[in-house]
Amino acid sequence: MRSLPRPSGKLGTTLEWRVRALSSGLLVRHLQARASAGAILELGCGNGWLSQLLAQSLQRDVCGIDVNRTELSQAARVFGHEERLSFVAADIHTVALPRDVFDVIVLPACVQYFADPAALIERLLAHLPEDGELHILDSPLYATPQRGQESAARSLRYFTELGVPELAAHYHQHTYATFDRFAVQWLFDPRRWSARARKMLRLPQPHFPWLCLRKRDNLGVSGG
């Protein structure tokens, strides 16, 4: 896990880890440019590799939270000695988060596991200071509900073939319109002509949308 997001061997050549290596590097550079010293919260931290990367690269305190205790036990085993890292097993909907402690909250590759991302965003924004940022990255968004339904059908077929069709219910296909109520900085938007051109030319760029929601731009929608 210490080699992530650039694992050795064939794993390092897979699309998933090429995507994660690029997006995590861009995230680190963005946060370095902010020149803030506040703590970072990673939601859906899994085995902790991104939390560790952020803590090491930025020299900031990072807390990873997840409901998967198996993944968190791996995180604690591999990265538990890191002074700037902490891991919490909890449900983000019910855990008591301190206010104004974290000035960055990161949701990497996990917004698709939440049925109501708008409610989640409202809750998370409420716990940021006015200059705080919420980042959503490495998750697919769909142009229309129909595209989302087509993806849901593919997921159901996939999990049915694996013999676990019930797992398809854990994935939610969100559209771009889901975020229309928020003021979003699109740090990467695959709908832009420039992104489409780079894709045609096979130039490196993020694979998924990258959303940045600043608290000060969304004061009217921050919930408790």
C-alpha atoms as a PDB file:
ATOM      1  CA  MET A   1       0.000   0.000   0.000  1.00  0.00           C
ATOM      2  CA  ARG A   2       2.934   2.337   0.536  1.00  0.00           C
ATOM      3  CA  SER A   3       3.553   2.350  -3.200  1.00  0.00           C
ATOM      4  CA  LEU A   4       0.041   3.595  -4.008  1.00  0.00           C
ATOM      5  CA  PRO A   5      -1.045   5.343  -6.180  1.00  0.00           C
ATOM      6  CA  ARG A   6       1.823   3.954  -8.266  1.00  0.00           C
ATOM      7  CA  PRO A   7       1.871   0.223  -7.510  1.00  0.00           C
ATOM      8  CA  SER A   8       4.551  -1.922  -9.064  1.00  0.00           C
ATOM      9  CA  GLY A   9       4.034  -4.534 -11.753  1.00  0.00           C
ATOM     10  CA  LYS A  10       0.971  -4.904 -13.920  1.00  0.00           C
ATOM     11  CA  LEU A  11      -1.277  -3.234 -11.351  1.00  0.00           C
ATOM     12  CA  GLY A  12       0.475   0.056 -11.970  1.00  0.00           C
ATOM     13  CA  THR A  13      -0.489  -0.036 -15.644  1.00  0.00           C
ATOM     14  CA  THR A  14      -4.224  -0.435 -15.033  1.00  0.00           C
ATOM     15  CA  LEU A  15      -6.545   2.444 -15.873  1.00  0.00           C
ATOM     16  CA  GLU A  16      -7.711   2.758 -12.269  1.00  0.00           C
ATOM     17  CA  TRP A  17      -4.276   3.463 -10.862  1.00  0.00           C
ATOM     18  CA  ARG A  18      -3.146   5.634 -13.744  1.00  0.00           C
ATOM     19  CA  VAL A  19      -6.269   7.719 -13.100  1.00  0.00           C
ATOM     20  CA  ARG A  20      -5.695   7.874  -9.350  1.00  0.00           C
ATOM     21  CA  ALA A  21      -1.990   8.718  -9.712  1.00  0.00           C
ATOM     22  CA  LEU A  22      -2.768  11.696 -11.940  1.00  0.00           C
ATOM     23  CA  SER A  23      -5.709  13.013  -9.927  1.00  0.00           C
ATOM     24  CA  SER A  24      -3.955  12.695  -6.566  1.00  0.00           C
ATOM     25  CA  GLY A  25      -0.924  14.550  -7.904  1.00  0.00           C
ATOM     26  CA  LEU A  26      -3.121  17.367  -9.186  1.00  0.00           C
ATOM     27  CA  LEU A  27      -4.939  17.525  -5.846  1.00  0.00           C
ATOM     28  CA  VAL A  28      -1.666  17.797  -3.950  1.00  0.00           C
ATOM     29  CA  ARG A  29      -0.484  20.639  -6.191  1.00  0.00           C
ATOM     30  CA  HIS A  30      -3.796  22.475  -5.800  1.00  0.00           C
ATOM     31  CA  LEU A  31      -3.651  22.226  -2.013  1.00  0.00           C
ATOM     32  CA  GLN A  32       0.001  23.260  -1.940  1.00  0.00           C
ATOM     33  CA  ALA A  33      -0.944  26.405  -3.845  1.00  0.00           C
ATOM     34  CA  ARG A  34      -3.565  27.247  -1.195  1.00  0.00           C
ATOM     35  CA  ALA A  35      -0.777  27.548   1.374  1.00  0.00           C
ATOM     36  CA  SER A  36      -3.087  26.633   4.250  1.00  0.00           C
ATOM     37  CA  ALA A  37      -2.073  24.797   7.406  1.00  0.00           C
ATOM     38  CA  GLY A  38      -5.480  23.469   8.489  1.00  0.00           C
ATOM     39  CA  ALA A  39      -6.361  19.813   8.865  1.00  0.00           C
ATOM     40  CA  ILE A  40      -7.780  17.720   6.019  1.00  0.00           C
ATOM     41  CA  LEU A  41     -10.645  15.226   6.202  1.00  0.00           C
ATOM     42  CA  GLU A  42     -10.774  12.393   3.664  1.00  0.00           C
ATOM     43  CA  LEU A  43     -14.167  10.740   3.396  1.00  0.00           C
ATOM     44  CA  GLY A  44     -14.071   7.135   2.200  1.00  0.00           C
ATOM     45  CA  CYS A  45     -10.360   6.774   2.942  1.00  0.00           C
ATOM     46  CA  GLY A  46     -10.294   2.983   2.548  1.00  0.00           C
ATOM     47  CA  ASN A  47      -6.807   1.639   3.244  1.00  0.00           C
ATOM     48  CA  GLY A  48      -5.480   5.148   3.807  1.00  0.00           C
ATOM     49  CA  TRP A  49      -3.073   5.594   0.910  1.00  0.00           C
ATOM     50  CA  LEU A  50      -4.403   9.023  -0.119  1.00  0.00           C
ATOM     51  CA  SER A  51      -4.574  10.265   3.467  1.00  0.00           C
ATOM     52  CA  GLN A  52      -0.946   9.267   3.876  1.00  0.00           C
ATOM     53  CA  LEU A  53       0.038  10.946   0.614  1.00  0.00           C
ATOM     54  CA  LEU A  54      -1.674  14.192   1.624  1.00  0.00           C
ATOM     55  CA  ALA A  55      -0.151  14.175   5.106  1.00  0.00           C
ATOM     56  CA  GLN A  56       3.340  13.488   3.783  1.00  0.00           C
ATOM     57  CA  SER A  57       3.215  15.837   0.796  1.00  0.00           C
ATOM     58  CA  LEU A  58       1.569  18.761   2.578  1.00  0.00           C
ATOM     59  CA  GLN A  59       2.892  18.216   6.112  1.00  0.00           C
ATOM     60  CA  ARG A  60      -0.604  18.658   7.471  1.00  0.00           C
ATOM     61  CA  ASP A  61      -2.820  16.676   9.816  1.00  0.00           C
ATOM     62  CA  VAL A  62      -5.150  14.352   7.923  1.00  0.00           C
ATOM     63  CA  CYS A  63      -8.080  12.341   9.265  1.00  0.00           C
ATOM     64  CA  GLY A  64      -9.480   9.501   7.177  1.00  0.00           C
ATOM     65  CA  ILE A  65     -13.008   8.270   7.828  1.00  0.00           C
ATOM     66  CA  ASP A  66     -14.695   5.150   6.473  1.00  0.00           C
ATOM     67  CA  VAL A  67     -17.334   2.573   7.395  1.00  0.00           C
ATOM     68  CA  ASN A  68     -15.180  -0.332   6.172  1.00  0.00           C
ATOM     69  CA  ARG A  69     -13.363  -1.587   9.251  1.00  0.00           C
ATOM     70  CA  THR A  70     -11.350  -4.137   7.268  1.00  0.00           C
ATOM     71  CA  GLU A  71      -9.852  -1.400   5.113  1.00  0.00           C
ATOM     72  CA  LEU A  72      -9.271   0.806   8.148  1.00  0.00           C
ATOM     73  CA  SER A  73      -7.425  -1.979   9.958  1.00  0.00           C
ATOM     74  CA  GLN A  74      -5.041  -2.141   7.000  1.00  0.00           C
ATOM     75  CA  ALA A  75      -4.621   1.626   7.142  1.00  0.00           C
ATOM     76  CA  ALA A  76      -3.813   1.499  10.846  1.00  0.00           C
ATOM     77  CA  ARG A  77      -1.372  -1.380  10.368  1.00  0.00           C
ATOM     78  CA  VAL A  78       0.580   0.260   7.554  1.00  0.00           C
ATOM     79  CA  PHE A  79       0.313   3.954   8.400  1.00  0.00           C
ATOM     80  CA  GLY A  80      -0.577   3.949  12.093  1.00  0.00           C
ATOM     81  CA  HIS A  81       2.857   5.221  13.141  1.00  0.00           C
ATOM     82  CA  GLU A  82       2.463   8.436  11.138  1.00  0.00           C
ATOM     83  CA  GLU A  83       1.989  11.277  13.629  1.00  0.00           C
ATOM     84  CA  ARG A  84      -0.046  13.443  11.277  1.00  0.00           C
ATOM     85  CA  LEU A  85      -2.502  10.661  10.394  1.00  0.00           C
ATOM     86  CA  SER A  86      -5.605   9.420  12.169  1.00  0.00           C
ATOM     87  CA  PHE A  87      -8.344   7.041  11.049  1.00  0.00           C
ATOM     88  CA  VAL A  88     -11.936   6.838  12.265  1.00  0.00           C
ATOM     89  CA  ALA A  89     -14.514   4.100  11.683  1.00  0.00           C
ATOM     90  CA  ALA A  90     -17.809   5.970  11.445  1.00  0.00           C
ATOM     91  CA  ASP A  91     -20.808   6.856   9.309  1.00  0.00           C
ATOM     92  CA  ILE A  92     -20.414  10.409   8.037  1.00  0.00           C
ATOM     93  CA  HIS A  93     -24.166  10.975   8.427  1.00  0.00           C
ATOM     94  CA  THR A  94     -24.112  10.356  12.177  1.00  0.00           C
ATOM     95  CA  VAL A  95     -20.577  11.051  13.406  1.00  0.00           C
ATOM     96  CA  ALA A  96     -20.121  14.261  15.386  1.00  0.00           C
ATOM     97  CA  LEU A  97     -17.663  16.275  13.307  1.00  0.00           C
ATOM     98  CA  PRO A  98     -15.917  19.251  14.909  1.00  0.00           C
ATOM     99  CA  ARG A  99     -16.586  22.562  13.205  1.00  0.00           C
ATOM    100  CA  ASP A 100     -13.820  24.715  11.734  1.00  0.00           C
ATOM    101  CA  VAL A 101     -11.109  22.113  12.384  1.00  0.00           C
ATOM    102  CA  PHE A 102     -10.856  20.873   8.810  1.00  0.00           C
ATOM    103  CA  ASP A 103     -10.349  23.477   6.116  1.00  0.00           C
ATOM    104  CA  VAL A 104     -10.353  20.889   3.322  1.00  0.00           C
ATOM    105  CA  ILE A 105     -12.658  17.891   2.892  1.00  0.00           C
ATOM    106  CA  VAL A 106     -11.915  15.411   0.121  1.00  0.00           C
ATOM    107  CA  LEU A 107     -14.340  12.876  -1.392  1.00  0.00           C
ATOM    108  CA  PRO A 108     -12.258  10.710  -3.734  1.00  0.00           C
ATOM    109  CA  ALA A 109     -14.001   7.961  -5.704  1.00  0.00           C
ATOM    110  CA  CYS A 110     -16.860   7.735  -3.227  1.00  0.00           C
ATOM    111  CA  VAL A 111     -19.748  10.115  -4.034  1.00  0.00           C
ATOM    112  CA  GLN A 112     -21.412   7.308  -6.023  1.00  0.00           C
ATOM    113  CA  TYR A 113     -21.964   5.416  -2.760  1.00  0.00           C
ATOM    114  CA  PHE A 114     -24.266   8.142  -1.419  1.00  0.00           C
ATOM    115  CA  ALA A 115     -27.902   8.232  -2.483  1.00  0.00           C
ATOM    116  CA  ASP A 116     -28.287  11.957  -1.724  1.00  0.00           C
ATOM    117  CA  PRO A 117     -25.018  13.782  -2.424  1.00  0.00           C
ATOM    118  CA  ALA A 118     -26.673  17.197  -2.094  1.00  0.00           C
ATOM    119  CA  ALA A 119     -27.601  16.504   1.531  1.00  0.00           C
ATOM    120  CA  LEU A 120     -24.100  15.162   2.159  1.00  0.00           C
ATOM    121  CA  ILE A 121     -22.504  18.272   0.678  1.00  0.00           C
ATOM    122  CA  GLU A 122     -24.678  20.558   2.804  1.00  0.00           C
ATOM    123  CA  ARG A 123     -23.612  18.697   5.938  1.00  0.00           C
ATOM    124  CA  LEU A 124     -19.926  18.790   5.062  1.00  0.00           C
ATOM    125  CA  LEU A 125     -19.907  22.455   4.058  1.00  0.00           C
ATOM    126  CA  ALA A 126     -21.401  23.320   7.431  1.00  0.00           C
ATOM    127  CA  HIS A 127     -18.261  21.974   9.117  1.00  0.00           C
ATOM    128  CA  LEU A 128     -15.826  24.028   7.051  1.00  0.00           C
ATOM    129  CA  PRO A 129     -14.576  27.528   7.856  1.00  0.00           C
ATOM    130  CA  GLU A 130     -15.557  30.263   5.423  1.00  0.00           C
ATOM    131  CA  ASP A 131     -12.353  29.837   3.395  1.00  0.00           C
ATOM    132  CA  GLY A 132     -12.643  26.028   3.360  1.00  0.00           C
ATOM    133  CA  GLU A 133     -12.959  23.804   0.306  1.00  0.00           C
ATOM    134  CA  LEU A 134     -14.764  20.559  -0.486  1.00  0.00           C
ATOM    135  CA  HIS A 135     -13.334  18.443  -3.316  1.00  0.00           C
ATOM    136  CA  ILE A 136     -15.178  15.706  -5.220  1.00  0.00           C
ATOM    137  CA  LEU A 137     -13.079  13.722  -7.670  1.00  0.00           C
ATOM    138  CA  ASP A 138     -12.565  10.327  -9.300  1.00  0.00           C
ATOM    139  CA  SER A 139     -16.292   9.586  -9.536  1.00  0.00           C
ATOM    140  CA  PRO A 140     -18.396   9.366 -12.699  1.00  0.00           C
ATOM    141  CA  LEU A 141     -21.151  11.867 -13.427  1.00  0.00           C
ATOM    142  CA  TYR A 142     -23.705  11.471 -16.200  1.00  0.00           C
ATOM    143  CA  ALA A 143     -25.008  14.017 -18.680  1.00  0.00           C
ATOM    144  CA  THR A 144     -28.625  12.825 -18.455  1.00  0.00           C
ATOM    145  CA  PRO A 145     -30.742  10.550 -16.243  1.00  0.00           C
ATOM    146  CA  GLN A 146     -30.959   8.139 -19.177  1.00  0.00           C
ATOM    147  CA  ARG A 147     -27.177   7.777 -19.266  1.00  0.00           C
ATOM    148  CA  GLY A 148     -27.256   7.095 -15.556  1.00  0.00           C
ATOM    149  CA  GLN A 149     -29.937   4.441 -15.973  1.00  0.00           C
ATOM    150  CA  GLU A 150     -27.890   2.767 -18.697  1.00  0.00           C
ATOM    151  CA  SER A 151     -24.895   2.661 -16.355  1.00  0.00           C
ATOM    152  CA  ALA A 152     -27.073   1.241 -13.569  1.00  0.00           C
ATOM    153  CA  ALA A 153     -28.226  -1.533 -15.907  1.00  0.00           C
ATOM    154  CA  ARG A 154     -24.606  -2.371 -16.759  1.00  0.00           C
ATOM    155  CA  SER A 155     -23.715  -2.491 -13.069  1.00  0.00           C
ATOM    156  CA  LEU A 156     -26.617  -4.820 -12.335  1.00  0.00           C
ATOM    157  CA  ARG A 157     -25.579  -7.165 -15.143  1.00  0.00           C
ATOM    158  CA  TYR A 158     -21.988  -7.127 -13.910  1.00  0.00           C
ATOM    159  CA  PHE A 159     -22.835  -7.951 -10.306  1.00  0.00           C
ATOM    160  CA  THR A 160     -25.425 -10.508 -11.390  1.00  0.00           C
ATOM    161  CA  GLU A 161     -22.752 -12.335 -13.375  1.00  0.00           C
ATOM    162  CA  LEU A 162     -20.599 -12.331 -10.244  1.00  0.00           C
ATOM    163  CA  GLY A 163     -23.478 -13.823  -8.280  1.00  0.00           C
ATOM    164  CA  VAL A 164     -23.965 -10.785  -6.025  1.00  0.00           C
ATOM    165  CA  PRO A 165     -26.700  -8.685  -7.706  1.00  0.00           C
ATOM    166  CA  GLU A 166     -27.525  -7.000  -4.399  1.00  0.00           C
ATOM    167  CA  LEU A 167     -24.258  -5.047  -4.570  1.00  0.00           C
ATOM    168  CA  ALA A 168     -25.607  -2.982  -7.459  1.00  0.00           C
ATOM    169  CA  ALA A 169     -27.908  -1.190  -5.014  1.00  0.00           C
ATOM    170  CA  HIS A 170     -24.871   0.366  -3.318  1.00  0.00           C
ATOM    171  CA  TYR A 171     -23.964   2.367  -6.435  1.00  0.00           C
ATOM    172  CA  HIS A 172     -25.811   5.532  -7.390  1.00  0.00           C
ATOM    173  CA  GLN A 173     -25.550   7.120 -10.815  1.00  0.00           C
ATOM    174  CA  HIS A 174     -25.539  10.886 -10.300  1.00  0.00           C
ATOM    175  CA  THR A 175     -25.923  13.466 -13.053  1.00  0.00           C
ATOM    176  CA  TYR A 176     -24.188  16.807 -13.420  1.00  0.00           C
ATOM    177  CA  ALA A 177     -27.528  18.425 -12.609  1.00  0.00           C
ATOM    178  CA  THR A 178     -27.272  16.997  -9.082  1.00  0.00           C
ATOM    179  CA  PHE A 179     -24.851  19.818  -8.290  1.00  0.00           C
ATOM    180  CA  ASP A 180     -26.718  22.677  -9.976  1.00  0.00           C
ATOM    181  CA  ARG A 181     -27.878  24.076  -6.647  1.00  0.00           C
ATOM    182  CA  PHE A 182     -24.282  24.661  -5.582  1.00  0.00           C
ATOM    183  CA  ALA A 183     -21.641  27.133  -6.724  1.00  0.00           C
ATOM    184  CA  VAL A 184     -19.034  24.781  -8.162  1.00  0.00           C
ATOM    185  CA  GLN A 185     -15.554  25.452  -9.457  1.00  0.00           C
ATOM    186  CA  TRP A 186     -14.998  22.803 -12.105  1.00  0.00           C
ATOM    187  CA  LEU A 187     -11.281  22.168 -11.792  1.00  0.00           C
ATOM    188  CA  PHE A 188     -11.750  19.569 -14.500  1.00  0.00           C
ATOM    189  CA  ASP A 189     -14.847  19.185 -16.643  1.00  0.00           C
ATOM    190  CA  PRO A 190     -14.783  16.507 -19.374  1.00  0.00           C
ATOM    191  CA  ARG A 191     -17.663  18.301 -21.123  1.00  0.00           C
ATOM    192  CA  ARG A 192     -15.433  21.213 -22.131  1.00  0.00           C
ATOM    193  CA  TRP A 193     -14.185  21.310 -25.710  1.00  0.00           C
ATOM    194  CA  SER A 194     -10.587  21.538 -24.471  1.00  0.00           C
ATOM    195  CA  ALA A 195     -11.002  18.312 -22.498  1.00  0.00           C
ATOM    196  CA  ARG A 196     -12.554  16.573 -25.485  1.00  0.00           C
ATOM    197  CA  ALA A 197      -9.694  17.758 -27.695  1.00  0.00           C
ATOM    198  CA  ARG A 198      -7.052  16.517 -25.248  1.00  0.00           C
ATOM    199  CA  LYS A 199      -8.821  13.178 -25.078  1.00  0.00           C
ATOM    200  CA  MET A 200      -8.781  12.851 -28.867  1.00  0.00           C
ATOM    201  CA  LEU A 201      -5.061  13.663 -28.871  1.00  0.00           C
ATOM    202  CA  ARG A 202      -4.480  11.159 -26.037  1.00  0.00           C
ATOM    203  CA  LEU A 203      -2.930  13.826 -23.835  1.00  0.00           C
ATOM    204  CA  PRO A 204      -2.870  13.257 -20.074  1.00  0.00           C
ATOM    205  CA  GLN A 205      -5.760  14.712 -18.120  1.00  0.00           C
ATOM    206  CA  PRO A 206      -8.131  13.578 -15.349  1.00  0.00           C
ATOM    207  CA  HIS A 207     -10.547  10.818 -16.270  1.00  0.00           C
ATOM    208  CA  PHE A 208     -13.451  12.035 -14.120  1.00  0.00           C
ATOM    209  CA  PRO A 209     -14.868  15.461 -13.203  1.00  0.00           C
ATOM    210  CA  TRP A 210     -13.154  17.370 -10.401  1.00  0.00           C
ATOM    211  CA  LEU A 211     -15.451  19.629  -8.397  1.00  0.00           C
ATOM    212  CA  CYS A 212     -14.324  22.210  -5.865  1.00  0.00           C
ATOM    213  CA  LEU A 213     -16.999  23.770  -3.655  1.00  0.00           C
ATOM    214  CA  ARG A 214     -15.803  26.704  -1.594  1.00  0.00           C
ATOM    215  CA  LYS A 215     -17.694  27.392   1.610  1.00  0.00           C
ATOM    216  CA  ARG A 216     -17.777  31.160   1.039  1.00  0.00           C
ATOM    217  CA  ASP A 217     -19.465  30.618  -2.327  1.00  0.00           C
ATOM    218  CA  ASN A 218     -22.141  28.390  -0.788  1.00  0.00           C
ATOM    219  CA  LEU A 219     -23.068  30.101   2.463  1.00  0.00           C
ATOM    220  CA  GLY A 220     -26.745  30.000   1.563  1.00  0.00           C
ATOM    221  CA  VAL A 221     -26.877  26.209   1.235  1.00  0.00           C
ATOM    222  CA  SER A 222     -24.675  25.026   4.110  1.00  0.00           C
ATOM    223  CA  GLY A 223     -26.713  22.813   6.410  1.00  0.00           C
ATOM    224  CA  GLY A 224     -26.136  21.589   9.919  1.00  0.00           C
END
